[in-house]
PDB file of N, CA and C in Angstrom:
ATOM      1  N   MET A   1      48.095 -41.333  61.255  1.00  0.00           N
ATOM      2  CA  MET A   1      47.476 -39.979  61.880  1.00  0.00           C
ATOM      3  C   MET A   1      47.895 -39.668  62.977  1.00  0.00           C
ATOM      4  N   GLN A   2      48.822 -40.650  63.600  1.00  0.00           N
ATOM      5  CA  GLN A   2      49.414 -39.776  65.015  1.00  0.00           C
ATOM      6  C   GLN A   2      50.750 -39.318  64.594  1.00  0.00           C
ATOM      7  N   LEU A   3      51.482 -39.456  63.472  1.00  0.00           N
ATOM      8  CA  LEU A   3      52.540 -38.219  63.184  1.00  0.00           C
ATOM      9  C   LEU A   3      52.157 -36.971  63.020  1.00  0.00           C
ATOM     10  N   LYS A   4      50.922 -36.878  62.280  1.00  0.00           N
ATOM     11  CA  LYS A   4      50.120 -35.740  61.937  1.00  0.00           C
ATOM     12  C   LYS A   4      49.726 -34.951  63.317  1.00  0.00           C
ATOM     13  N   ALA A   5      49.414 -35.486  64.436  1.00  0.00           N
ATOM     14  CA  ALA A   5      48.959 -34.953  65.552  1.00  0.00           C
ATOM     15  C   ALA A   5      50.165 -34.844  66.186  1.00  0.00           C
ATOM     16  N   ILE A   6      51.411 -35.746  66.227  1.00  0.00           N
ATOM     17  CA  ILE A   6      52.805 -35.017  66.876  1.00  0.00           C
ATOM     18  C   ILE A   6      52.999 -33.945  66.617  1.00  0.00           C
ATOM     19  N   LEU A   7      53.107 -33.951  64.916  1.00  0.00           N
ATOM     20  CA  LEU A   7      53.440 -32.360  64.396  1.00  0.00           C
ATOM     21  C   LEU A   7      52.631 -31.267  64.628  1.00  0.00           C
ATOM     22  N   GLU A   8      51.288 -31.305  64.757  1.00  0.00           N
ATOM     23  CA  GLU A   8      50.682 -30.395  65.106  1.00  0.00           C
ATOM     24  C   GLU A   8      51.099 -29.823  66.329  1.00  0.00           C
ATOM     25  N   ASN A   9      50.637 -30.683  67.385  1.00  0.00           N
ATOM     26  CA  ASN A   9      51.428 -30.406  68.937  1.00  0.00           C
ATOM     27  C   ASN A   9      52.630 -29.832  68.833  1.00  0.00           C
ATOM     28  N   TYR A  10      53.767 -30.297  67.922  1.00  0.00           N
ATOM     29  CA  TYR A  10      55.191 -29.680  68.038  1.00  0.00           C
ATOM     30  C   TYR A  10      55.188 -28.321  67.696  1.00  0.00           C
ATOM     31  N   ASP A  11      54.139 -28.000  66.461  1.00  0.00           N
ATOM     32  CA  ASP A  11      53.828 -26.464  66.009  1.00  0.00           C
ATOM     33  C   ASP A  11      53.571 -25.810  67.009  1.00  0.00           C
ATOM     34  N   ILE A  12      52.453 -26.007  67.848  1.00  0.00           N
ATOM     35  CA  ILE A  12      52.061 -25.606  68.930  1.00  0.00           C
ATOM     36  C   ILE A  12      52.990 -25.227  69.934  1.00  0.00           C
ATOM     37  N   LEU A  13      53.815 -25.909  69.902  1.00  0.00           N
ATOM     38  CA  LEU A  13      55.068 -25.573  71.468  1.00  0.00           C
ATOM     39  C   LEU A  13      55.843 -25.014  70.982  1.00  0.00           C
ATOM     40  N   PHE A  14      56.707 -25.236  69.558  1.00  0.00           N
ATOM     41  CA  PHE A  14      58.079 -24.695  69.393  1.00  0.00           C
ATOM     42  C   PHE A  14      57.794 -24.057  68.124  1.00  0.00           C
ATOM     43  N   GLY A  15      56.986 -23.603  67.628  1.00  0.00           N
ATOM     44  CA  GLY A  15      56.796 -23.120  66.120  1.00  0.00           C
ATOM     45  C   GLY A  15      56.356 -23.840  64.973  1.00  0.00           C
ATOM     46  N   SER A  16      56.297 -23.589  63.861  1.00  0.00           N
ATOM     47  CA  SER A  16      56.426 -24.019  62.586  1.00  0.00           C
ATOM     48  C   SER A  16      57.529 -24.861  62.622  1.00  0.00           C
ATOM     49  N   THR A  17      57.219 -26.437  62.067  1.00  0.00           N
ATOM     50  CA  THR A  17      57.947 -27.349  62.170  1.00  0.00           C
ATOM     51  C   THR A  17      59.021 -27.218  60.436  1.00  0.00           C
ATOM     52  N   GLU A  18      58.255 -26.353  59.927  1.00  0.00           N
ATOM     53  CA  GLU A  18      59.090 -26.082  58.591  1.00  0.00           C
ATOM     54  C   GLU A  18      60.162 -25.128  58.731  1.00  0.00           C
ATOM     55  N   ASN A  19      59.745 -24.269  60.012  1.00  0.00           N
ATOM     56  CA  ASN A  19      60.981 -23.128  60.257  1.00  0.00           C
ATOM     57  C   ASN A  19      61.984 -24.195  61.288  1.00  0.00           C
ATOM     58  N   LYS A  20      61.510 -24.994  62.031  1.00  0.00           N
ATOM     59  CA  LYS A  20      62.372 -25.638  62.846  1.00  0.00           C
ATOM     60  C   LYS A  20      63.426 -26.289  61.928  1.00  0.00           C
ATOM     61  N   LEU A  21      62.705 -26.899  60.849  1.00  0.00           N
ATOM     62  CA  LEU A  21      63.898 -27.887  60.000  1.00  0.00           C
ATOM     63  C   LEU A  21      64.986 -26.779  59.683  1.00  0.00           C
ATOM     64  N   ARG A  22      64.248 -25.753  58.756  1.00  0.00           N
ATOM     65  CA  ARG A  22      65.043 -24.822  58.374  1.00  0.00           C
ATOM     66  C   ARG A  22      66.445 -24.229  59.157  1.00  0.00           C
ATOM     67  N   PHE A  23      65.863 -24.166  60.437  1.00  0.00           N
ATOM     68  CA  PHE A  23      66.947 -23.907  61.245  1.00  0.00           C
ATOM     69  C   PHE A  23      68.167 -24.910  61.484  1.00  0.00           C
ATOM     70  N   THR A  24      67.381 -26.032  61.798  1.00  0.00           N
ATOM     71  CA  THR A  24      68.164 -27.379  61.968  1.00  0.00           C
ATOM     72  C   THR A  24      69.174 -27.908  60.883  1.00  0.00           C
ATOM     73  N   PHE A  25      68.771 -27.302  59.308  1.00  0.00           N
ATOM     74  CA  PHE A  25      69.323 -27.457  58.485  1.00  0.00           C
ATOM     75  C   PHE A  25      70.932 -26.766  58.277  1.00  0.00           C
ATOM     76  N   ARG A  26      70.351 -25.458  58.909  1.00  0.00           N
ATOM     77  CA  ARG A  26      71.057 -24.374  58.831  1.00  0.00           C
ATOM     78  C   ARG A  26      72.169 -24.522  59.491  1.00  0.00           C
ATOM     79  N   GLU A  27      71.870 -24.879  61.104  1.00  0.00           N
ATOM     80  CA  GLU A  27      72.758 -25.251  62.057  1.00  0.00           C
ATOM     81  C   GLU A  27      73.840 -26.218  61.761  1.00  0.00           C
ATOM     82  N   ASN A  28      73.080 -27.743  61.506  1.00  0.00           N
ATOM     83  CA  ASN A  28      73.983 -28.743  60.743  1.00  0.00           C
ATOM     84  C   ASN A  28      74.777 -28.469  59.639  1.00  0.00           C
ATOM     85  N   THR A  29      74.467 -27.654  58.660  1.00  0.00           N
ATOM     86  CA  THR A  29      75.367 -27.446  57.426  1.00  0.00           C
ATOM     87  C   THR A  29      76.302 -26.405  57.885  1.00  0.00           C
ATOM     88  N   ARG A  30      76.068 -25.919  58.888  1.00  0.00           N
ATOM     89  CA  ARG A  30      77.281 -24.421  59.282  1.00  0.00           C
ATOM     90  C   ARG A  30      78.438 -25.503  60.001  1.00  0.00           C
ATOM     91  N   GLU A  31      77.836 -26.502  60.892  1.00  0.00           N
ATOM     92  CA  GLU A  31      79.088 -27.300  61.465  1.00  0.00           C
ATOM     93  C   GLU A  31      79.736 -28.155  60.575  1.00  0.00           C
ATOM     94  N   TRP A  32      79.031 -28.710  59.917  1.00  0.00           N
ATOM     95  CA  TRP A  32      79.684 -29.603  58.832  1.00  0.00           C
ATOM     96  C   TRP A  32      80.709 -28.973  57.998  1.00  0.00           C
ATOM     97  N   LEU A  33      80.419 -27.665  57.633  1.00  0.00           N
ATOM     98  CA  LEU A  33      81.248 -26.846  56.990  1.00  0.00           C
ATOM     99  C   LEU A  33      82.411 -26.113  58.209  1.00  0.00           C
ATOM    100  N   GLY A  34      82.539 -26.463  59.298  1.00  0.00           N
ATOM    101  CA  GLY A  34      83.408 -26.474  59.809  1.00  0.00           C
ATOM    102  C   GLY A  34      83.365 -24.571  60.125  1.00  0.00           C
ATOM    103  N   GLY A  35      82.008 -23.870  60.397  1.00  0.00           N
ATOM    104  CA  GLY A  35      81.659 -22.717  60.921  1.00  0.00           C
ATOM    105  C   GLY A  35      81.719 -21.655  59.999  1.00  0.00           C
ATOM    106  N   ALA A  36      82.238 -21.956  58.651  1.00  0.00           N
ATOM    107  CA  ALA A  36      81.881 -21.009  57.773  1.00  0.00           C
ATOM    108  C   ALA A  36      80.618 -21.142  56.854  1.00  0.00           C
ATOM    109  N   THR A  37      80.083 -20.435  56.356  1.00  0.00           N
ATOM    110  CA  THR A  37      78.854 -20.032  56.094  1.00  0.00           C
ATOM    111  C   THR A  37      79.209 -21.079  54.489  1.00  0.00           C
ATOM    112  N   LEU A  38      77.880 -21.475  54.072  1.00  0.00           N
ATOM    113  CA  LEU A  38      77.928 -21.784  52.651  1.00  0.00           C
ATOM    114  C   LEU A  38      78.634 -21.131  51.323  1.00  0.00           C
ATOM    115  N   GLU A  39      78.252 -20.367  51.547  1.00  0.00           N
ATOM    116  CA  GLU A  39      78.723 -19.026  50.479  1.00  0.00           C
ATOM    117  C   GLU A  39      80.108 -19.151  50.892  1.00  0.00           C
ATOM    118  N   GLU A  40      80.670 -18.755  51.890  1.00  0.00           N
ATOM    119  CA  GLU A  40      82.300 -18.814  52.020  1.00  0.00           C
ATOM    120  C   GLU A  40      83.252 -19.945  51.638  1.00  0.00           C
ATOM    121  N   ARG A  41      82.440 -21.418  51.835  1.00  0.00           N
ATOM    122  CA  ARG A  41      82.703 -22.290  51.611  1.00  0.00           C
ATOM    123  C   ARG A  41      83.231 -22.665  50.154  1.00  0.00           C
ATOM    124  N   ILE A  42      82.164 -22.037  49.473  1.00  0.00           N
ATOM    125  CA  ILE A  42      82.099 -22.417  47.982  1.00  0.00           C
ATOM    126  C   ILE A  42      82.800 -21.754  47.570  1.00  0.00           C
ATOM    127  N   ASP A  43      83.286 -20.413  47.857  1.00  0.00           N
ATOM    128  CA  ASP A  43      83.854 -19.484  47.281  1.00  0.00           C
ATOM    129  C   ASP A  43      85.537 -20.177  47.539  1.00  0.00           C
ATOM    130  N   LYS A  44      85.649 -20.808  48.778  1.00  0.00           N
ATOM    131  CA  LYS A  44      87.039 -21.472  49.182  1.00  0.00           C
ATOM    132  C   LYS A  44      87.194 -22.538  47.967  1.00  0.00           C
ATOM    133  N   LEU A  45      86.077 -23.067  47.613  1.00  0.00           N
ATOM    134  CA  LEU A  45      86.239 -24.355  47.108  1.00  0.00           C
ATOM    135  C   LEU A  45      86.636 -24.064  45.889  1.00  0.00           C
ATOM    136  N   GLU A  46      85.992 -22.824  45.315  1.00  0.00           N
ATOM    137  CA  GLU A  46      85.881 -22.282  43.365  1.00  0.00           C
ATOM    138  C   GLU A  46      87.305 -21.942  43.415  1.00  0.00           C
ATOM    139  N   GLU A  47      87.597 -21.180  44.423  1.00  0.00           N
ATOM    140  CA  GLU A  47      89.488 -20.402  44.242  1.00  0.00           C
ATOM    141  C   GLU A  47      90.319 -22.076  44.098  1.00  0.00           C
ATOM    142  N   ARG A  48      89.964 -23.046  44.840  1.00  0.00           N
ATOM    143  CA  ARG A  48      91.311 -24.161  45.071  1.00  0.00           C
ATOM    144  C   ARG A  48      90.937 -25.083  43.715  1.00  0.00           C
ATOM    145  N   ILE A  49      89.617 -24.718  42.985  1.00  0.00           N
ATOM    146  CA  ILE A  49      89.683 -25.672  41.820  1.00  0.00           C
ATOM    147  C   ILE A  49      90.574 -24.774  40.772  1.00  0.00           C
ATOM    148  N   LYS A  50      90.422 -23.437  41.039  1.00  0.00           N
ATOM    149  CA  LYS A  50      90.848 -22.524  39.905  1.00  0.00           C
ATOM    150  C   LYS A  50      92.589 -22.974  39.981  1.00  0.00           C
ATOM    151  N   GLU A  51      93.084 -22.794  41.537  1.00  0.00           N
ATOM    152  CA  GLU A  51      94.352 -23.278  41.652  1.00  0.00           C
ATOM    153  C   GLU A  51      95.069 -24.714  40.933  1.00  0.00           C
ATOM    154  N   LEU A  52      94.060 -25.305  40.964  1.00  0.00           N
ATOM    155  CA  LEU A  52      94.686 -26.928  40.575  1.00  0.00           C
ATOM    156  C   LEU A  52      94.544 -26.891  39.150  1.00  0.00           C
ATOM    157  N   GLU A  53      93.604 -26.462  38.651  1.00  0.00           N
ATOM    158  CA  GLU A  53      93.428 -26.285  37.031  1.00  0.00           C
ATOM    159  C   GLU A  53      94.672 -25.383  36.682  1.00  0.00           C
ATOM    160  N   ARG A  54      95.207 -24.714  36.942  1.00  0.00           N
ATOM    161  CA  ARG A  54      96.278 -23.828  36.866  1.00  0.00           C
ATOM    162  C   ARG A  54      97.340 -24.759  36.524  1.00  0.00           C
ATOM    163  N   SER A  55      97.491 -25.534  37.802  1.00  0.00           N
ATOM    164  CA  SER A  55      98.905 -25.991  38.174  1.00  0.00           C
ATOM    165  C   SER A  55      99.329 -27.440  37.721  1.00  0.00           C
ATOM    166  N   VAL A  56      98.143 -28.066  37.501  1.00  0.00           N
ATOM    167  CA  VAL A  56      97.707 -29.670  37.014  1.00  0.00           C
ATOM    168  C   VAL A  56      97.478 -29.930  35.847  1.00  0.00           C
ATOM    169  N   ASP A  57      96.676 -29.197  35.265  1.00  0.00           N
ATOM    170  CA  ASP A  57      95.942 -29.427  34.355  1.00  0.00           C
ATOM    171  C   ASP A  57      96.308 -28.110  33.013  1.00  0.00           C
ATOM    172  N   PRO A  58      97.165 -28.279  32.308  1.00  0.00           N
ATOM    173  CA  PRO A  58      97.247 -27.353  31.692  1.00  0.00           C
ATOM    174  C   PRO A  58      96.170 -27.681  30.273  1.00  0.00           C
ATOM    175  N   ARG A  59      95.861 -26.120  29.557  1.00  0.00           N
ATOM    176  CA  ARG A  59      95.024 -26.283  28.799  1.00  0.00           C
ATOM    177  C   ARG A  59      95.484 -26.917  27.571  1.00  0.00           C
ATOM    178  N   GLU A  60      94.375 -27.925  27.131  1.00  0.00           N
ATOM    179  CA  GLU A  60      94.948 -28.669  25.879  1.00  0.00           C
ATOM    180  C   GLU A  60      94.005 -28.115  24.734  1.00  0.00           C
ATOM    181  N   ILE A  61      94.127 -28.333  23.463  1.00  0.00           N
ATOM    182  CA  ILE A  61      93.241 -28.122  22.022  1.00  0.00           C
ATOM    183  C   ILE A  61      93.658 -29.352  21.131  1.00  0.00           C
ATOM    184  N   GLU A  62      92.769 -29.697  20.593  1.00  0.00           N
ATOM    185  CA  GLU A  62      92.838 -30.786  19.721  1.00  0.00           C
ATOM    186  C   GLU A  62      92.095 -30.708  18.464  1.00  0.00           C
ATOM    187  N   PHE A  63      92.526 -31.033  17.403  1.00  0.00           N
ATOM    188  CA  PHE A  63      92.127 -31.372  16.311  1.00  0.00           C
ATOM    189  C   PHE A  63      92.184 -32.837  15.361  1.00  0.00           C
ATOM    190  N   ASN A  64      91.215 -33.774  15.087  1.00  0.00           N
ATOM    191  CA  ASN A  64      91.744 -34.823  14.320  1.00  0.00           C
ATOM    192  C   ASN A  64      90.527 -34.821  13.166  1.00  0.00           C
ATOM    193  N   GLN A  65      91.327 -34.358  12.015  1.00  0.00           N
ATOM    194  CA  GLN A  65      90.492 -34.230  10.777  1.00  0.00           C
ATOM    195  C   GLN A  65      90.866 -35.364   9.725  1.00  0.00           C
ATOM    196  N   PRO A  66      90.197 -35.868   8.934  1.00  0.00           N
ATOM    197  CA  PRO A  66      90.759 -36.989   7.941  1.00  0.00           C
ATOM    198  C   PRO A  66      91.897 -36.050   6.953  1.00  0.00           C
ATOM    199  N   SER A  67      93.191 -36.845   7.119  1.00  0.00           N
ATOM    200  CA  SER A  67      94.047 -36.508   5.937  1.00  0.00           C
ATOM    201  C   SER A  67      94.783 -37.737   6.035  1.00  0.00           C
ATOM    202  N   SER A  68      95.224 -38.105   5.014  1.00  0.00           N
ATOM    203  CA  SER A  68      96.229 -39.328   4.467  1.00  0.00           C
ATOM    204  C   SER A  68      97.150 -39.467   5.493  1.00  0.00           C
ATOM    205  N   PHE A  69      98.067 -38.075   5.613  1.00  0.00           N
ATOM    206  CA  PHE A  69      99.202 -38.146   6.359  1.00  0.00           C
ATOM    207  C   PHE A  69      98.995 -37.610   7.906  1.00  0.00           C
ATOM    208  N   VAL A  70      98.379 -37.041   7.929  1.00  0.00           N
ATOM    209  CA  VAL A  70      98.141 -36.325   9.344  1.00  0.00           C
ATOM    210  C   VAL A  70      96.860 -36.722  10.520  1.00  0.00           C
ATOM    211  N   GLY A  71      97.042 -37.342  11.593  1.00  0.00           N
ATOM    212  CA  GLY A  71      96.180 -37.642  12.275  1.00  0.00           C
ATOM    213  C   GLY A  71      95.931 -36.665  13.436  1.00  0.00           C
ATOM    214  N   GLU A  72      95.756 -37.616  14.759  1.00  0.00           N
ATOM    215  CA  GLU A  72      95.453 -36.220  15.682  1.00  0.00           C
ATOM    216  C   GLU A  72      96.242 -35.562  15.966  1.00  0.00           C
ATOM    217  N   VAL A  73      95.996 -34.149  16.342  1.00  0.00           N
ATOM    218  CA  VAL A  73      96.764 -33.003  16.532  1.00  0.00           C
ATOM    219  C   VAL A  73      96.536 -32.478  18.207  1.00  0.00           C
ATOM    220  N   ILE A  74      97.396 -32.496  19.097  1.00  0.00           N
ATOM    221  CA  ILE A  74      97.235 -32.301  20.444  1.00  0.00           C
ATOM    222  C   ILE A  74      98.075 -30.699  21.051  1.00  0.00           C
ATOM    223  N   TYR A  75      97.462 -29.805  21.025  1.00  0.00           N
ATOM    224  CA  TYR A  75      98.288 -28.553  21.454  1.00  0.00           C
ATOM    225  C   TYR A  75      98.097 -28.405  22.893  1.00  0.00           C
ATOM    226  N   THR A  76      99.386 -28.096  23.547  1.00  0.00           N
ATOM    227  CA  THR A  76      99.024 -27.769  25.194  1.00  0.00           C
ATOM    228  C   THR A  76      99.312 -26.186  25.152  1.00  0.00           C
ATOM    229  N   VAL A  77      98.347 -25.045  25.306  1.00  0.00           N
ATOM    230  CA  VAL A  77      98.630 -24.266  25.385  1.00  0.00           C
ATOM    231  C   VAL A  77      99.980 -23.487  26.406  1.00  0.00           C
ATOM    232  N   ASP A  78      99.440 -24.116  27.646  1.00  0.00           N
ATOM    233  CA  ASP A  78     100.988 -23.559  28.948  1.00  0.00           C
ATOM    234  C   ASP A  78     102.298 -23.879  28.334  1.00  0.00           C
ATOM    235  N   LEU A  79     102.338 -24.961  27.597  1.00  0.00           N
ATOM    236  CA  LEU A  79     103.666 -25.476  27.476  1.00  0.00           C
ATOM    237  C   LEU A  79     103.921 -25.139  26.096  1.00  0.00           C
ATOM    238  N   GLN A  80     103.096 -25.091  25.160  1.00  0.00           N
ATOM    239  CA  GLN A  80     103.414 -24.261  23.734  1.00  0.00           C
ATOM    240  C   GLN A  80     103.999 -26.036  23.369  1.00  0.00           C
ATOM    241  N   VAL A  81     103.587 -26.918  23.687  1.00  0.00           N
ATOM    242  CA  VAL A  81     103.767 -28.158  22.818  1.00  0.00           C
ATOM    243  C   VAL A  81     102.822 -28.681  22.124  1.00  0.00           C
ATOM    244  N   MET A  82     103.401 -29.340  20.875  1.00  0.00           N
ATOM    245  CA  MET A  82     102.219 -30.110  19.957  1.00  0.00           C
ATOM    246  C   MET A  82     102.860 -31.479  19.664  1.00  0.00           C
ATOM    247  N   THR A  83     101.756 -31.978  19.739  1.00  0.00           N
ATOM    248  CA  THR A  83     101.793 -33.623  19.269  1.00  0.00           C
ATOM    249  C   THR A  83     101.211 -33.853  18.177  1.00  0.00           C
ATOM    250  N   ILE A  84     101.905 -34.332  17.352  1.00  0.00           N
ATOM    251  CA  ILE A  84     101.150 -34.883  16.060  1.00  0.00           C
ATOM    252  C   ILE A  84     101.609 -36.383  16.037  1.00  0.00           C
ATOM    253  N   GLN A  85     100.371 -37.106  15.340  1.00  0.00           N
ATOM    254  CA  GLN A  85     100.309 -38.167  14.377  1.00  0.00           C
ATOM    255  C   GLN A  85     100.626 -38.234  13.235  1.00  0.00           C
ATOM    256  N   LEU A  86     101.434 -38.809  12.733  1.00  0.00           N
ATOM    257  CA  LEU A  86     101.812 -38.430  11.324  1.00  0.00           C
ATOM    258  C   LEU A  86     102.136 -40.045  11.001  1.00  0.00           C
ATOM    259  N   GLY A  87     101.614 -40.318  10.109  1.00  0.00           N
ATOM    260  CA  GLY A  87     101.539 -41.755   9.513  1.00  0.00           C
ATOM    261  C   GLY A  87     101.556 -42.996  10.584  1.00  0.00           C
ATOM    262  N   GLY A  88     100.752 -42.684  11.446  1.00  0.00           N
ATOM    263  CA  GLY A  88     100.327 -43.576  12.656  1.00  0.00           C
ATOM    264  C   GLY A  88     101.896 -43.435  13.647  1.00  0.00           C
ATOM    265  N   ARG A  89     102.780 -42.468  13.536  1.00  0.00           N
ATOM    266  CA  ARG A  89     103.866 -42.572  14.584  1.00  0.00           C
ATOM    267  C   ARG A  89     103.381 -40.895  15.273  1.00  0.00           C
ATOM    268  N   ILE A  90     103.624 -41.318  16.617  1.00  0.00           N
ATOM    269  CA  ILE A  90     103.664 -39.921  17.420  1.00  0.00           C
ATOM    270  C   ILE A  90     104.805 -39.035  17.423  1.00  0.00           C
ATOM    271  N   TYR A  91     104.800 -37.539  17.443  1.00  0.00           N
ATOM    272  CA  TYR A  91     106.006 -36.763  17.177  1.00  0.00           C
ATOM    273  C   TYR A  91     105.750 -35.482  18.096  1.00  0.00           C
ATOM    274  N   ASN A  92     106.559 -34.905  18.866  1.00  0.00           N
ATOM    275  CA  ASN A  92     106.423 -33.918  19.542  1.00  0.00           C
ATOM    276  C   ASN A  92     107.224 -32.845  18.815  1.00  0.00           C
ATOM    277  N   TYR A  93     106.772 -31.450  19.197  1.00  0.00           N
ATOM    278  CA  TYR A  93     107.041 -30.469  18.648  1.00  0.00           C
ATOM    279  C   TYR A  93     106.723 -29.153  20.034  1.00  0.00           C
ATOM    280  N   CYS A  94     108.065 -28.452  20.011  1.00  0.00           N
ATOM    281  CA  CYS A  94     108.208 -27.777  21.292  1.00  0.00           C
ATOM    282  C   CYS A  94     108.464 -26.062  20.697  1.00  0.00           C
ATOM    283  N   SER A  95     107.949 -25.513  21.933  1.00  0.00           N
ATOM    284  CA  SER A  95     108.023 -23.750  21.449  1.00  0.00           C
ATOM    285  C   SER A  95     107.250 -23.428  20.466  1.00  0.00           C
ATOM    286  N   VAL A  96     106.189 -24.028  19.826  1.00  0.00           N
ATOM    287  CA  VAL A  96     105.279 -23.995  19.127  1.00  0.00           C
ATOM    288  C   VAL A  96     104.178 -22.751  19.390  1.00  0.00           C
ATOM    289  N   PRO A  97     104.140 -21.349  18.747  1.00  0.00           N
ATOM    290  CA  PRO A  97     103.318 -20.548  19.206  1.00  0.00           C
ATOM    291  C   PRO A  97     101.696 -21.024  18.854  1.00  0.00           C
ATOM    292  N   GLN A  98     101.055 -20.632  19.466  1.00  0.00           N
ATOM    293  CA  GLN A  98      99.500 -20.909  19.164  1.00  0.00           C
ATOM    294  C   GLN A  98      99.130 -20.576  17.545  1.00  0.00           C
ATOM    295  N   ARG A  99      99.658 -19.276  17.329  1.00  0.00           N
ATOM    296  CA  ARG A  99      98.860 -19.461  15.919  1.00  0.00           C
ATOM    297  C   ARG A  99      99.301 -19.943  14.779  1.00  0.00           C
ATOM    298  N   ILE A 100     100.729 -20.760  14.910  1.00  0.00           N
ATOM    299  CA  ILE A 100     100.875 -21.942  14.393  1.00  0.00           C
ATOM    300  C   ILE A 100      99.837 -23.106  14.175  1.00  0.00           C
ATOM    301  N   PHE A 101      99.768 -23.670  15.375  1.00  0.00           N
ATOM    302  CA  PHE A 101      98.667 -24.576  15.711  1.00  0.00           C
ATOM    303  C   PHE A 101      97.412 -24.482  15.318  1.00  0.00           C
ATOM    304  N   GLU A 102      96.614 -22.826  15.640  1.00  0.00           N
ATOM    305  CA  GLU A 102      95.504 -22.529  14.876  1.00  0.00           C
ATOM    306  C   GLU A 102      95.450 -22.071  12.801  1.00  0.00           C
ATOM    307  N   SER A 103      97.020 -22.267  12.681  1.00  0.00           N
ATOM    308  CA  SER A 103      96.573 -21.969  10.960  1.00  0.00           C
ATOM    309  C   SER A 103      97.263 -23.506  10.483  1.00  0.00           C
ATOM    310  N   PHE A 104      97.585 -23.963  11.694  1.00  0.00           N
ATOM    311  CA  PHE A 104      97.318 -25.573  10.680  1.00  0.00           C
ATOM    312  C   PHE A 104      96.217 -26.191  10.838  1.00  0.00           C
ATOM    313  N   GLU A 105      95.324 -26.038  11.809  1.00  0.00           N
ATOM    314  CA  GLU A 105      94.054 -26.721  12.142  1.00  0.00           C
ATOM    315  C   GLU A 105      93.026 -26.159  11.044  1.00  0.00           C
ATOM    316  N   GLY A 106      93.356 -24.684  10.681  1.00  0.00           N
ATOM    317  CA  GLY A 106      92.643 -24.382   9.307  1.00  0.00           C
ATOM    318  C   GLY A 106      93.203 -24.663   8.016  1.00  0.00           C
ATOM    319  N   SER A 107      94.131 -24.831   7.800  1.00  0.00           N
ATOM    320  CA  SER A 107      94.839 -25.367   6.619  1.00  0.00           C
ATOM    321  C   SER A 107      94.075 -26.164   5.728  1.00  0.00           C
ATOM    322  N   PRO A 108      93.814 -25.848   4.363  1.00  0.00           N
ATOM    323  CA  PRO A 108      92.754 -27.139   4.158  1.00  0.00           C
ATOM    324  C   PRO A 108      93.383 -28.342   3.275  1.00  0.00           C
ATOM    325  N   SER A 109      95.005 -28.105   3.495  1.00  0.00           N
ATOM    326  CA  SER A 109      95.657 -29.317   3.476  1.00  0.00           C
ATOM    327  C   SER A 109      96.903 -29.419   4.332  1.00  0.00           C
ATOM    328  N   LYS A 110      96.678 -30.651   5.520  1.00  0.00           N
ATOM    329  CA  LYS A 110      97.534 -30.539   6.816  1.00  0.00           C
ATOM    330  C   LYS A 110      98.762 -30.877   6.346  1.00  0.00           C
ATOM    331  N   GLY A 111      98.983 -32.076   5.313  1.00  0.00           N
ATOM    332  CA  GLY A 111     100.376 -32.380   5.105  1.00  0.00           C
ATOM    333  C   GLY A 111     101.394 -31.264   4.440  1.00  0.00           C
ATOM    334  N   VAL A 112     100.774 -30.491   3.534  1.00  0.00           N
ATOM    335  CA  VAL A 112     101.391 -29.542   3.331  1.00  0.00           C
ATOM    336  C   VAL A 112     101.920 -28.160   4.117  1.00  0.00           C
ATOM    337  N   TYR A 113     101.133 -27.712   5.168  1.00  0.00           N
ATOM    338  CA  TYR A 113     101.471 -27.125   6.210  1.00  0.00           C
ATOM    339  C   TYR A 113     102.485 -27.652   7.256  1.00  0.00           C
ATOM    340  N   TYR A 114     101.990 -28.841   7.284  1.00  0.00           N
ATOM    341  CA  TYR A 114     103.152 -29.655   8.143  1.00  0.00           C
ATOM    342  C   TYR A 114     104.250 -29.628   7.683  1.00  0.00           C
ATOM    343  N   ASN A 115     104.567 -29.774   6.341  1.00  0.00           N
ATOM    344  CA  ASN A 115     106.529 -30.095   5.797  1.00  0.00           C
ATOM    345  C   ASN A 115     106.581 -28.246   5.342  1.00  0.00           C
ATOM    346  N   ARG A 116     105.865 -27.203   5.395  1.00  0.00           N
ATOM    347  CA  ARG A 116     106.181 -25.903   5.046  1.00  0.00           C
ATOM    348  C   ARG A 116     106.287 -25.080   6.093  1.00  0.00           C
ATOM    349  N   SER A 117     105.499 -25.272   7.638  1.00  0.00           N
ATOM    350  CA  SER A 117     105.675 -24.545   8.578  1.00  0.00           C
ATOM    351  C   SER A 117     106.210 -25.117   9.620  1.00  0.00           C
ATOM    352  N   ILE A 118     105.990 -26.624   9.883  1.00  0.00           N
ATOM    353  CA  ILE A 118     106.144 -27.456  11.316  1.00  0.00           C
ATOM    354  C   ILE A 118     107.724 -28.135  11.289  1.00  0.00           C
ATOM    355  N   LYS A 119     107.773 -29.014   9.997  1.00  0.00           N
ATOM    356  CA  LYS A 119     108.630 -29.843   9.902  1.00  0.00           C
ATOM    357  C   LYS A 119     109.875 -29.718  10.135  1.00  0.00           C
ATOM    358  N   ASN A 120     111.097 -29.725  11.183  1.00  0.00           N
ATOM    359  CA  ASN A 120     112.274 -29.066  11.213  1.00  0.00           C
ATOM    360  C   ASN A 120     112.509 -27.896  11.901  1.00  0.00           C
ATOM    361  N   GLN A 121     111.101 -27.171  12.608  1.00  0.00           N
ATOM    362  CA  GLN A 121     111.359 -26.129  12.830  1.00  0.00           C
ATOM    363  C   GLN A 121     111.041 -25.870  14.477  1.00  0.00           C
ATOM    364  N   PHE A 122     110.112 -26.646  15.067  1.00  0.00           N
ATOM    365  CA  PHE A 122     109.728 -26.852  16.206  1.00  0.00           C
ATOM    366  C   PHE A 122     110.307 -28.392  16.998  1.00  0.00           C
ATOM    367  N   ASN A 123     111.511 -28.760  16.533  1.00  0.00           N
ATOM    368  CA  ASN A 123     111.903 -30.023  17.389  1.00  0.00           C
ATOM    369  C   ASN A 123     112.265 -29.614  18.927  1.00  0.00           C
ATOM    370  N   CYS A 124     112.193 -30.763  19.680  1.00  0.00           N
ATOM    371  CA  CYS A 124     112.454 -30.765  20.895  1.00  0.00           C
ATOM    372  C   CYS A 124     113.859 -31.182  21.299  1.00  0.00           C
TER     373      CYS A 124
END
């Protein structure tokens, strides 16, 4: 009951407690954000995230379908590098166009496609 009485007196003297709390939150948030508004800070953070994604984490696409010969296949879009697990060993192929990776992924026989379209053609 004492807290309720204090809050009622506070409201009479200073206005709504809810409004005061909102104001305090806004001021504290602005101070914490270094004077920038929350929206400005979010925009800057989103820009920074995009920069980091482009420079540090190139996009990778992968597939892993049951095959007696071909295991996991990973394609790095930005570098045009394809890593293929063949019979338990790992092989890297360079300057592979994305359309080759996509055709490989969609082929009904991974081993036949590999031997016909990738083997000895994209060695690093």
